[in-house]
All heavy atoms as atom14 arrays in JSON, in Angstrom:
{
  "sequence": "VPVSADTLDERVAKLPAPTMSSAKSLEALEYCIGLAAAKSVLPVTLH",
  "atom14_mask": [
    [1, 1, 1, 1, 1, 1, 1, 0, 0, 0, 0, 0, 0, 0],
    [1, 1, 1, 1, 1, 1, 1, 0, 0, 0, 0, 0, 0, 0],
    [1, 1, 1, 1, 1, 1, 1, 0, 0, 0, 0, 0, 0, 0],
    [1, 1, 1, 1, 1, 1, 0, 0, 0, 0, 0, 0, 0, 0],
    [1, 1, 1, 1, 1, 0, 0, 0, 0, 0, 0, 0, 0, 0],
    [1, 1, 1, 1, 1, 1, 1, 1, 0, 0, 0, 0, 0, 0],
    [1, 1, 1, 1, 1, 1, 1, 0, 0, 0, 0, 0, 0, 0],
    [1, 1, 1, 1, 1, 1, 1, 1, 0, 0, 0, 0, 0, 0],
    [1, 1, 1, 1, 1, 1, 1, 1, 0, 0, 0, 0, 0, 0],
    [1, 1, 1, 1, 1, 1, 1, 1, 1, 0, 0, 0, 0, 0],
    [1, 1, 1, 1, 1, 1, 1, 1, 1, 1, 1, 0, 0, 0],
    [1, 1, 1, 1, 1, 1, 1, 0, 0, 0, 0, 0, 0, 0],
    [1, 1, 1, 1, 1, 0, 0, 0, 0, 0, 0, 0, 0, 0],
    [1, 1, 1, 1, 1, 1, 1, 1, 1, 0, 0, 0, 0, 0],
    [1, 1, 1, 1, 1, 1, 1, 1, 0, 0, 0, 0, 0, 0],
    [1, 1, 1, 1, 1, 1, 1, 0, 0, 0, 0, 0, 0, 0],
    [1, 1, 1, 1, 1, 0, 0, 0, 0, 0, 0, 0, 0, 0],
    [1, 1, 1, 1, 1, 1, 1, 0, 0, 0, 0, 0, 0, 0],
    [1, 1, 1, 1, 1, 1, 1, 0, 0, 0, 0, 0, 0, 0],
    [1, 1, 1, 1, 1, 1, 1, 1, 0, 0, 0, 0, 0, 0],
    [1, 1, 1, 1, 1, 1, 0, 0, 0, 0, 0, 0, 0, 0],
    [1, 1, 1, 1, 1, 1, 0, 0, 0, 0, 0, 0, 0, 0],
    [1, 1, 1, 1, 1, 0, 0, 0, 0, 0, 0, 0, 0, 0],
    [1, 1, 1, 1, 1, 1, 1, 1, 1, 0, 0, 0, 0, 0],
    [1, 1, 1, 1, 1, 1, 0, 0, 0, 0, 0, 0, 0, 0],
    [1, 1, 1, 1, 1, 1, 1, 1, 0, 0, 0, 0, 0, 0],
    [1, 1, 1, 1, 1, 1, 1, 1, 1, 0, 0, 0, 0, 0],
    [1, 1, 1, 1, 1, 0, 0, 0, 0, 0, 0, 0, 0, 0],
    [1, 1, 1, 1, 1, 1, 1, 1, 0, 0, 0, 0, 0, 0],
    [1, 1, 1, 1, 1, 1, 1, 1, 1, 0, 0, 0, 0, 0],
    [1, 1, 1, 1, 1, 1, 1, 1, 1, 1, 1, 1, 0, 0],
    [1, 1, 1, 1, 1, 1, 0, 0, 0, 0, 0, 0, 0, 0],
    [1, 1, 1, 1, 1, 1, 1, 1, 0, 0, 0, 0, 0, 0],
    [1, 1, 1, 1, 0, 0, 0, 0, 0, 0, 0, 0, 0, 0],
    [1, 1, 1, 1, 1, 1, 1, 1, 0, 0, 0, 0, 0, 0],
    [1, 1, 1, 1, 1, 0, 0, 0, 0, 0, 0, 0, 0, 0],
    [1, 1, 1, 1, 1, 0, 0, 0, 0, 0, 0, 0, 0, 0],
    [1, 1, 1, 1, 1, 0, 0, 0, 0, 0, 0, 0, 0, 0],
    [1, 1, 1, 1, 1, 1, 1, 1, 1, 0, 0, 0, 0, 0],
    [1, 1, 1, 1, 1, 1, 0, 0, 0, 0, 0, 0, 0, 0],
    [1, 1, 1, 1, 1, 1, 1, 0, 0, 0, 0, 0, 0, 0],
    [1, 1, 1, 1, 1, 1, 1, 1, 0, 0, 0, 0, 0, 0],
    [1, 1, 1, 1, 1, 1, 1, 0, 0, 0, 0, 0, 0, 0],
    [1, 1, 1, 1, 1, 1, 1, 0, 0, 0, 0, 0, 0, 0],
    [1, 1, 1, 1, 1, 1, 1, 0, 0, 0, 0, 0, 0, 0],
    [1, 1, 1, 1, 1, 1, 1, 1, 0, 0, 0, 0, 0, 0],
    [1, 1, 1, 1, 1, 1, 1, 1, 1, 1, 0, 0, 0, 0]
  ],
  "atom14_positions": [
    [[21.24, 45.76, 2.69], [20.77, 44.38, 2.67], [21.22, 43.67, 3.94], [22.4, 43.66, 4.25], [21.33, 43.64, 1.42], [20.87, 42.2, 1.42], [20.89, 44.35, 0.16], [0.0, 0.0, 0.0], [0.0, 0.0, 0.0], [0.0, 0.0, 0.0], [0.0, 0.0, 0.0], [0.0, 0.0, 0.0], [0.0, 0.0, 0.0], [0.0, 0.0, 0.0]],
    [[20.31, 43.1, 4.68], [20.69, 42.44, 5.93], [21.54, 41.2, 5.7], [21.47, 40.58, 4.64], [19.35, 42.08, 6.57], [18.41, 41.96, 5.42], [18.88, 42.97, 4.4], [0.0, 0.0, 0.0], [0.0, 0.0, 0.0], [0.0, 0.0, 0.0], [0.0, 0.0, 0.0], [0.0, 0.0, 0.0], [0.0, 0.0, 0.0], [0.0, 0.0, 0.0]],
    [[22.31, 40.83, 6.7], [23.17, 39.66, 6.61], [22.36, 38.4, 6.39], [22.77, 37.49, 5.7], [24.03, 39.54, 7.89], [24.82, 38.25, 7.9], [24.94, 40.74, 8.01], [0.0, 0.0, 0.0], [0.0, 0.0, 0.0], [0.0, 0.0, 0.0], [0.0, 0.0, 0.0], [0.0, 0.0, 0.0], [0.0, 0.0, 0.0], [0.0, 0.0, 0.0]],
    [[21.16, 38.33, 6.94], [20.33, 37.14, 6.83], [19.43, 37.17, 5.59], [18.33, 36.65, 5.61], [19.47, 37.0, 8.08], [18.6, 38.11, 8.18], [0.0, 0.0, 0.0], [0.0, 0.0, 0.0], [0.0, 0.0, 0.0], [0.0, 0.0, 0.0], [0.0, 0.0, 0.0], [0.0, 0.0, 0.0], [0.0, 0.0, 0.0], [0.0, 0.0, 0.0]],
    [[19.9, 37.77, 4.53], [19.09, 37.91, 3.31], [18.83, 36.54, 2.67], [19.5, 35.56, 2.95], [19.78, 38.84, 2.33], [0.0, 0.0, 0.0], [0.0, 0.0, 0.0], [0.0, 0.0, 0.0], [0.0, 0.0, 0.0], [0.0, 0.0, 0.0], [0.0, 0.0, 0.0], [0.0, 0.0, 0.0], [0.0, 0.0, 0.0], [0.0, 0.0, 0.0]],
    [[17.88, 36.53, 1.77], [17.39, 35.3, 1.16], [18.22, 34.84, -0.03], [18.78, 35.63, -0.77], [15.95, 35.51, 0.69], [15.0, 35.77, 1.84], [14.94, 34.9, 2.74], [14.34, 36.81, 1.85], [0.0, 0.0, 0.0], [0.0, 0.0, 0.0], [0.0, 0.0, 0.0], [0.0, 0.0, 0.0], [0.0, 0.0, 0.0], [0.0, 0.0, 0.0]],
    [[18.21, 33.52, -0.23], [18.76, 32.91, -1.43], [17.71, 33.01, -2.53], [16.55, 33.37, -2.26], [19.09, 31.43, -1.19], [17.87, 30.72, -0.95], [20.06, 31.25, -0.02], [0.0, 0.0, 0.0], [0.0, 0.0, 0.0], [0.0, 0.0, 0.0], [0.0, 0.0, 0.0], [0.0, 0.0, 0.0], [0.0, 0.0, 0.0], [0.0, 0.0, 0.0]],
    [[18.08, 32.65, -3.74], [17.12, 32.68, -4.85], [15.96, 31.73, -4.57], [14.79, 32.09, -4.76], [17.8, 32.34, -6.17], [16.91, 32.34, -7.4], [16.24, 33.69, -7.61], [17.71, 31.95, -8.64], [0.0, 0.0, 0.0], [0.0, 0.0, 0.0], [0.0, 0.0, 0.0], [0.0, 0.0, 0.0], [0.0, 0.0, 0.0], [0.0, 0.0, 0.0]],
    [[16.25, 30.54, -4.1], [15.18, 29.58, -3.79], [14.2, 30.14, -2.76], [12.99, 29.97, -2.88], [15.76, 28.26, -3.25], [16.41, 27.42, -4.34], [16.12, 27.65, -5.53], [17.2, 26.53, -3.98], [0.0, 0.0, 0.0], [0.0, 0.0, 0.0], [0.0, 0.0, 0.0], [0.0, 0.0, 0.0], [0.0, 0.0, 0.0], [0.0, 0.0, 0.0]],
    [[14.73, 30.81, -1.74], [13.88, 31.39, -0.71], [13.03, 32.52, -1.25], [11.85, 32.64, -0.91], [14.73, 31.86, 0.47], [15.35, 30.71, 1.25], [16.42, 31.14, 2.23], [17.03, 32.23, 2.05], [16.67, 30.38, 3.17], [0.0, 0.0, 0.0], [0.0, 0.0, 0.0], [0.0, 0.0, 0.0], [0.0, 0.0, 0.0], [0.0, 0.0, 0.0]],
    [[13.62, 33.37, -2.1], [12.85, 34.47, -2.7], [11.73, 33.91, -3.6], [10.61, 34.38, -3.56], [13.74, 35.39, -3.53], [14.61, 36.29, -2.72], [13.93, 37.64, -2.49], [14.8, 38.46, -1.67], [14.46, 38.94, -0.49], [13.27, 38.75, 0.0], [15.31, 39.66, 0.2], [0.0, 0.0, 0.0], [0.0, 0.0, 0.0], [0.0, 0.0, 0.0]],
    [[12.06, 32.9, -4.4], [11.05, 32.3, -5.29], [9.93, 31.68, -4.46], [8.74, 31.82, -4.8], [11.7, 31.27, -6.24], [10.64, 30.47, -6.98], [12.62, 31.97, -7.22], [0.0, 0.0, 0.0], [0.0, 0.0, 0.0], [0.0, 0.0, 0.0], [0.0, 0.0, 0.0], [0.0, 0.0, 0.0], [0.0, 0.0, 0.0], [0.0, 0.0, 0.0]],
    [[10.27, 31.03, -3.35], [9.24, 30.42, -2.5], [8.32, 31.48, -1.88], [7.17, 31.18, -1.57], [9.9, 29.6, -1.4], [0.0, 0.0, 0.0], [0.0, 0.0, 0.0], [0.0, 0.0, 0.0], [0.0, 0.0, 0.0], [0.0, 0.0, 0.0], [0.0, 0.0, 0.0], [0.0, 0.0, 0.0], [0.0, 0.0, 0.0], [0.0, 0.0, 0.0]],
    [[8.81, 32.7, -1.73], [8.02, 33.78, -1.13], [7.21, 34.58, -2.16], [6.47, 35.49, -1.77], [8.94, 34.77, -0.41], [9.57, 34.23, 0.84], [10.45, 35.31, 1.45], [11.15, 34.85, 2.69], [12.0, 35.92, 3.26], [0.0, 0.0, 0.0], [0.0, 0.0, 0.0], [0.0, 0.0, 0.0], [0.0, 0.0, 0.0], [0.0, 0.0, 0.0]],
    [[7.35, 34.27, -3.44], [6.62, 35.04, -4.46], [5.13, 35.03, -4.15], [4.54, 33.98, -3.93], [6.85, 34.46, -5.85], [8.11, 34.9, -6.57], [8.37, 34.01, -7.78], [8.01, 36.35, -7.0], [0.0, 0.0, 0.0], [0.0, 0.0, 0.0], [0.0, 0.0, 0.0], [0.0, 0.0, 0.0], [0.0, 0.0, 0.0], [0.0, 0.0, 0.0]],
    [[4.53, 36.22, -4.13], [3.08, 36.28, -3.89], [2.31, 35.91, -5.15], [2.9, 35.7, -6.21], [2.88, 37.76, -3.53], [3.93, 38.47, -4.32], [5.13, 37.53, -4.31], [0.0, 0.0, 0.0], [0.0, 0.0, 0.0], [0.0, 0.0, 0.0], [0.0, 0.0, 0.0], [0.0, 0.0, 0.0], [0.0, 0.0, 0.0], [0.0, 0.0, 0.0]],
    [[1.01, 35.88, -5.02], [0.17, 35.7, -6.21], [0.44, 36.87, -7.16], [0.75, 37.98, -6.71], [-1.29, 35.66, -5.81], [0.0, 0.0, 0.0], [0.0, 0.0, 0.0], [0.0, 0.0, 0.0], [0.0, 0.0, 0.0], [0.0, 0.0, 0.0], [0.0, 0.0, 0.0], [0.0, 0.0, 0.0], [0.0, 0.0, 0.0], [0.0, 0.0, 0.0]],
    [[0.34, 36.64, -8.46], [0.58, 37.73, -9.41], [-0.33, 38.92, -9.15], [-1.5, 38.75, -8.83], [0.27, 37.1, -10.77], [0.46, 35.64, -10.55], [0.04, 35.39, -9.13], [0.0, 0.0, 0.0], [0.0, 0.0, 0.0], [0.0, 0.0, 0.0], [0.0, 0.0, 0.0], [0.0, 0.0, 0.0], [0.0, 0.0, 0.0], [0.0, 0.0, 0.0]],
    [[0.23, 40.11, -9.27], [-0.54, 41.34, -9.04], [-0.71, 42.16, -10.31], [-1.39, 43.17, -10.3], [0.15, 42.22, -7.98], [1.48, 42.51, -8.42], [0.19, 41.52, -6.63], [0.0, 0.0, 0.0], [0.0, 0.0, 0.0], [0.0, 0.0, 0.0], [0.0, 0.0, 0.0], [0.0, 0.0, 0.0], [0.0, 0.0, 0.0], [0.0, 0.0, 0.0]],
    [[-0.06, 41.72, -11.39], [-0.14, 42.45, -12.65], [-0.33, 41.44, -13.78], [0.06, 40.29, -13.66], [1.16, 43.22, -12.91], [1.46, 44.29, -11.9], [3.14, 44.94, -12.12], [3.98, 44.09, -10.8], [0.0, 0.0, 0.0], [0.0, 0.0, 0.0], [0.0, 0.0, 0.0], [0.0, 0.0, 0.0], [0.0, 0.0, 0.0], [0.0, 0.0, 0.0]],
    [[-0.93, 41.92, -14.87], [-1.02, 41.08, -16.07], [-0.85, 41.95, -17.3], [-1.08, 43.17, -17.24], [-2.34, 40.31, -16.12], [-3.42, 41.19, -16.3], [0.0, 0.0, 0.0], [0.0, 0.0, 0.0], [0.0, 0.0, 0.0], [0.0, 0.0, 0.0], [0.0, 0.0, 0.0], [0.0, 0.0, 0.0], [0.0, 0.0, 0.0], [0.0, 0.0, 0.0]],
    [[-0.45, 41.32, -18.39], [-0.17, 42.06, -19.61], [-0.46, 41.19, -20.83], [-0.34, 39.97, -20.78], [1.32, 42.46, -19.63], [1.66, 43.08, -20.85], [0.0, 0.0, 0.0], [0.0, 0.0, 0.0], [0.0, 0.0, 0.0], [0.0, 0.0, 0.0], [0.0, 0.0, 0.0], [0.0, 0.0, 0.0], [0.0, 0.0, 0.0], [0.0, 0.0, 0.0]],
    [[-0.82, 41.86, -21.91], [-1.01, 41.16, -23.18], [0.3, 41.09, -23.96], [0.39, 40.41, -24.98], [-2.07, 41.88, -24.01], [0.0, 0.0, 0.0], [0.0, 0.0, 0.0], [0.0, 0.0, 0.0], [0.0, 0.0, 0.0], [0.0, 0.0, 0.0], [0.0, 0.0, 0.0], [0.0, 0.0, 0.0], [0.0, 0.0, 0.0], [0.0, 0.0, 0.0]],
    [[1.36, 41.77, -23.49], [2.66, 41.73, -24.17], [3.25, 40.32, -24.08], [2.94, 39.56, -23.16], [3.64, 42.72, -23.54], [3.28, 44.17, -23.78], [4.33, 45.08, -23.16], [4.0, 46.54, -23.41], [4.98, 47.43, -22.76], [0.0, 0.0, 0.0], [0.0, 0.0, 0.0], [0.0, 0.0, 0.0], [0.0, 0.0, 0.0], [0.0, 0.0, 0.0]],
    [[4.12, 40.0, -25.0], [4.74, 38.68, -25.01], [5.7, 38.52, -23.83], [6.17, 39.5, -23.24], [5.51, 38.45, -26.31], [6.68, 39.26, -26.34], [0.0, 0.0, 0.0], [0.0, 0.0, 0.0], [0.0, 0.0, 0.0], [0.0, 0.0, 0.0], [0.0, 0.0, 0.0], [0.0, 0.0, 0.0], [0.0, 0.0, 0.0], [0.0, 0.0, 0.0]],
    [[5.99, 37.28, -23.5], [6.94, 36.97, -22.45], [8.29, 37.61, -22.75], [8.93, 38.21, -21.88], [7.07, 35.44, -22.34], [7.78, 34.85, -21.14], [7.03, 35.17, -19.86], [7.9, 33.34, -21.31], [0.0, 0.0, 0.0], [0.0, 0.0, 0.0], [0.0, 0.0, 0.0], [0.0, 0.0, 0.0], [0.0, 0.0, 0.0], [0.0, 0.0, 0.0]],
    [[8.71, 37.51, -24.01], [10.0, 38.08, -24.43], [10.02, 39.6, -24.32], [11.02, 40.19, -23.9], [10.33, 37.65, -25.87], [10.56, 36.17, -26.03], [9.28, 35.36, -26.17], [8.17, 35.94, -26.24], [9.39, 34.12, -26.18], [0.0, 0.0, 0.0], [0.0, 0.0, 0.0], [0.0, 0.0, 0.0], [0.0, 0.0, 0.0], [0.0, 0.0, 0.0]],
    [[8.92, 40.25, -24.7], [8.85, 41.7, -24.63], [8.92, 42.18, -23.18], [9.61, 43.16, -22.87], [7.57, 42.22, -25.29], [0.0, 0.0, 0.0], [0.0, 0.0, 0.0], [0.0, 0.0, 0.0], [0.0, 0.0, 0.0], [0.0, 0.0, 0.0], [0.0, 0.0, 0.0], [0.0, 0.0, 0.0], [0.0, 0.0, 0.0], [0.0, 0.0, 0.0]],
    [[8.23, 41.48, -22.29], [8.27, 41.85, -20.87], [9.66, 41.61, -20.28], [10.18, 42.44, -19.54], [7.21, 41.08, -20.08], [5.78, 41.51, -20.36], [4.8, 40.53, -19.72], [5.53, 42.92, -19.84], [0.0, 0.0, 0.0], [0.0, 0.0, 0.0], [0.0, 0.0, 0.0], [0.0, 0.0, 0.0], [0.0, 0.0, 0.0], [0.0, 0.0, 0.0]],
    [[10.26, 40.49, -20.62], [11.62, 40.2, -20.13], [12.59, 41.3, -20.56], [13.39, 41.79, -19.76], [12.1, 38.86, -20.67], [13.54, 38.55, -20.33], [14.08, 37.32, -21.03], [13.34, 36.66, -21.8], [15.26, 37.03, -20.82], [0.0, 0.0, 0.0], [0.0, 0.0, 0.0], [0.0, 0.0, 0.0], [0.0, 0.0, 0.0], [0.0, 0.0, 0.0]],
    [[12.53, 41.68, -21.81], [13.42, 42.71, -22.35], [13.2, 44.05, -21.66], [14.14, 44.7, -21.21], [13.19, 42.83, -23.86], [14.13, 43.78, -24.55], [15.43, 43.41, -24.83], [13.7, 45.05, -24.92], [16.3, 44.29, -25.47], [14.56, 45.93, -25.55], [15.86, 45.55, -25.83], [16.7, 46.42, -26.45], [0.0, 0.0, 0.0], [0.0, 0.0, 0.0]],
    [[11.96, 44.47, -21.56], [11.63, 45.77, -20.96], [12.01, 45.82, -19.48], [12.66, 46.77, -19.02], [10.14, 46.05, -21.14], [9.62, 47.64, -20.49], [0.0, 0.0, 0.0], [0.0, 0.0, 0.0], [0.0, 0.0, 0.0], [0.0, 0.0, 0.0], [0.0, 0.0, 0.0], [0.0, 0.0, 0.0], [0.0, 0.0, 0.0], [0.0, 0.0, 0.0]],
    [[11.65, 44.79, -18.72], [11.97, 44.77, -17.3], [13.48, 44.68, -17.1], [14.04, 45.35, -16.23], [11.24, 43.6, -16.59], [9.72, 43.82, -16.62], [11.73, 43.45, -15.15], [8.9, 42.6, -16.22], [0.0, 0.0, 0.0], [0.0, 0.0, 0.0], [0.0, 0.0, 0.0], [0.0, 0.0, 0.0], [0.0, 0.0, 0.0], [0.0, 0.0, 0.0]],
    [[14.14, 43.89, -17.91], [15.59, 43.77, -17.82], [16.29, 45.09, -18.07], [17.22, 45.47, -17.35], [0.0, 0.0, 0.0], [0.0, 0.0, 0.0], [0.0, 0.0, 0.0], [0.0, 0.0, 0.0], [0.0, 0.0, 0.0], [0.0, 0.0, 0.0], [0.0, 0.0, 0.0], [0.0, 0.0, 0.0], [0.0, 0.0, 0.0], [0.0, 0.0, 0.0]],
    [[15.84, 45.84, -19.08], [16.43, 47.15, -19.36], [16.18, 48.13, -18.23], [17.07, 48.9, -17.85], [15.86, 47.73, -20.66], [16.42, 47.17, -21.96], [15.73, 47.84, -23.15], [17.92, 47.36, -22.06], [0.0, 0.0, 0.0], [0.0, 0.0, 0.0], [0.0, 0.0, 0.0], [0.0, 0.0, 0.0], [0.0, 0.0, 0.0], [0.0, 0.0, 0.0]],
    [[14.98, 48.1, -17.67], [14.66, 49.0, -16.56], [15.53, 48.68, -15.34], [16.09, 49.57, -14.71], [13.17, 48.9, -16.2], [0.0, 0.0, 0.0], [0.0, 0.0, 0.0], [0.0, 0.0, 0.0], [0.0, 0.0, 0.0], [0.0, 0.0, 0.0], [0.0, 0.0, 0.0], [0.0, 0.0, 0.0], [0.0, 0.0, 0.0], [0.0, 0.0, 0.0]],
    [[15.66, 47.4, -15.02], [16.46, 46.99, -13.86], [17.94, 47.29, -14.07], [18.65, 47.64, -13.12], [16.26, 45.51, -13.59], [0.0, 0.0, 0.0], [0.0, 0.0, 0.0], [0.0, 0.0, 0.0], [0.0, 0.0, 0.0], [0.0, 0.0, 0.0], [0.0, 0.0, 0.0], [0.0, 0.0, 0.0], [0.0, 0.0, 0.0], [0.0, 0.0, 0.0]],
    [[18.39, 47.21, -15.31], [19.81, 47.41, -15.61], [20.28, 48.83, -15.34], [21.49, 49.08, -15.28], [20.09, 47.03, -17.07], [0.0, 0.0, 0.0], [0.0, 0.0, 0.0], [0.0, 0.0, 0.0], [0.0, 0.0, 0.0], [0.0, 0.0, 0.0], [0.0, 0.0, 0.0], [0.0, 0.0, 0.0], [0.0, 0.0, 0.0], [0.0, 0.0, 0.0]],
    [[19.36, 49.74, -15.13], [19.76, 51.1, -14.75], [20.29, 51.15, -13.32], [20.97, 52.09, -12.94], [18.59, 52.06, -14.92], [18.16, 52.22, -16.36], [16.92, 53.07, -16.49], [16.46, 53.11, -17.95], [15.16, 53.76, -18.09], [0.0, 0.0, 0.0], [0.0, 0.0, 0.0], [0.0, 0.0, 0.0], [0.0, 0.0, 0.0], [0.0, 0.0, 0.0]],
    [[19.97, 50.12, -12.51], [20.38, 50.08, -11.11], [21.25, 48.88, -10.75], [22.09, 48.96, -9.87], [19.16, 50.06, -10.2], [18.38, 51.21, -10.39], [0.0, 0.0, 0.0], [0.0, 0.0, 0.0], [0.0, 0.0, 0.0], [0.0, 0.0, 0.0], [0.0, 0.0, 0.0], [0.0, 0.0, 0.0], [0.0, 0.0, 0.0], [0.0, 0.0, 0.0]],
    [[21.0, 47.74, -11.4], [21.72, 46.49, -11.1], [21.96, 45.73, -12.39], [21.42, 46.09, -13.44], [20.9, 45.59, -10.14], [20.74, 46.22, -8.78], [19.56, 45.23, -10.73], [0.0, 0.0, 0.0], [0.0, 0.0, 0.0], [0.0, 0.0, 0.0], [0.0, 0.0, 0.0], [0.0, 0.0, 0.0], [0.0, 0.0, 0.0], [0.0, 0.0, 0.0]],
    [[22.73, 44.67, -12.31], [22.91, 43.79, -13.46], [21.94, 42.63, -13.31], [22.15, 41.74, -12.49], [24.35, 43.27, -13.52], [24.68, 42.36, -14.68], [24.45, 43.07, -16.02], [26.11, 41.89, -14.59], [0.0, 0.0, 0.0], [0.0, 0.0, 0.0], [0.0, 0.0, 0.0], [0.0, 0.0, 0.0], [0.0, 0.0, 0.0], [0.0, 0.0, 0.0]],
    [[20.82, 42.66, -14.06], [19.81, 41.61, -13.88], [20.25, 40.28, -14.51], [21.01, 40.26, -15.47], [18.58, 42.17, -14.59], [19.14, 43.09, -15.63], [20.42, 43.65, -15.04], [0.0, 0.0, 0.0], [0.0, 0.0, 0.0], [0.0, 0.0, 0.0], [0.0, 0.0, 0.0], [0.0, 0.0, 0.0], [0.0, 0.0, 0.0], [0.0, 0.0, 0.0]],
    [[19.73, 39.21, -13.94], [19.96, 37.86, -14.45], [18.59, 37.3, -14.79], [17.62, 37.56, -14.08], [20.64, 36.98, -13.37], [20.81, 35.56, -13.87], [21.97, 37.58, -12.96], [0.0, 0.0, 0.0], [0.0, 0.0, 0.0], [0.0, 0.0, 0.0], [0.0, 0.0, 0.0], [0.0, 0.0, 0.0], [0.0, 0.0, 0.0], [0.0, 0.0, 0.0]],
    [[18.5, 36.52, -15.87], [17.23, 35.87, -16.19], [17.41, 34.36, -16.23], [18.43, 33.85, -16.68], [16.66, 36.34, -17.55], [17.6, 36.06, -18.58], [16.35, 37.81, -17.54], [0.0, 0.0, 0.0], [0.0, 0.0, 0.0], [0.0, 0.0, 0.0], [0.0, 0.0, 0.0], [0.0, 0.0, 0.0], [0.0, 0.0, 0.0], [0.0, 0.0, 0.0]],
    [[16.4, 33.68, -15.73], [16.32, 32.22, -15.81], [15.06, 31.89, -16.6], [13.98, 32.4, -16.29], [16.2, 31.6, -14.42], [17.44, 31.62, -13.54], [17.11, 31.06, -12.16], [18.55, 30.82, -14.17], [0.0, 0.0, 0.0], [0.0, 0.0, 0.0], [0.0, 0.0, 0.0], [0.0, 0.0, 0.0], [0.0, 0.0, 0.0], [0.0, 0.0, 0.0]],
    [[15.21, 31.05, -17.59], [14.08, 30.66, -18.42], [13.6, 29.27, -18.03], [14.39, 28.34, -17.92], [14.49, 30.64, -19.9], [14.82, 32.0, -20.42], [13.96, 32.73, -21.17], [15.93, 32.78, -20.26], [14.51, 33.89, -21.48], [15.71, 33.94, -20.93], [0.0, 0.0, 0.0], [0.0, 0.0, 0.0], [0.0, 0.0, 0.0], [0.0, 0.0, 0.0]]
  ]
}
């Protein structure tokens, strides 16, 4: 990770248009993505 890496606000400002969609609930996606990410990092969620 470079020294000049982004803050959360900067990353959120750079979010592209959505590239995926799902019929699953918001909660189901949060849970699934969180578990997948947790294999590599400790994910944080903001609601």
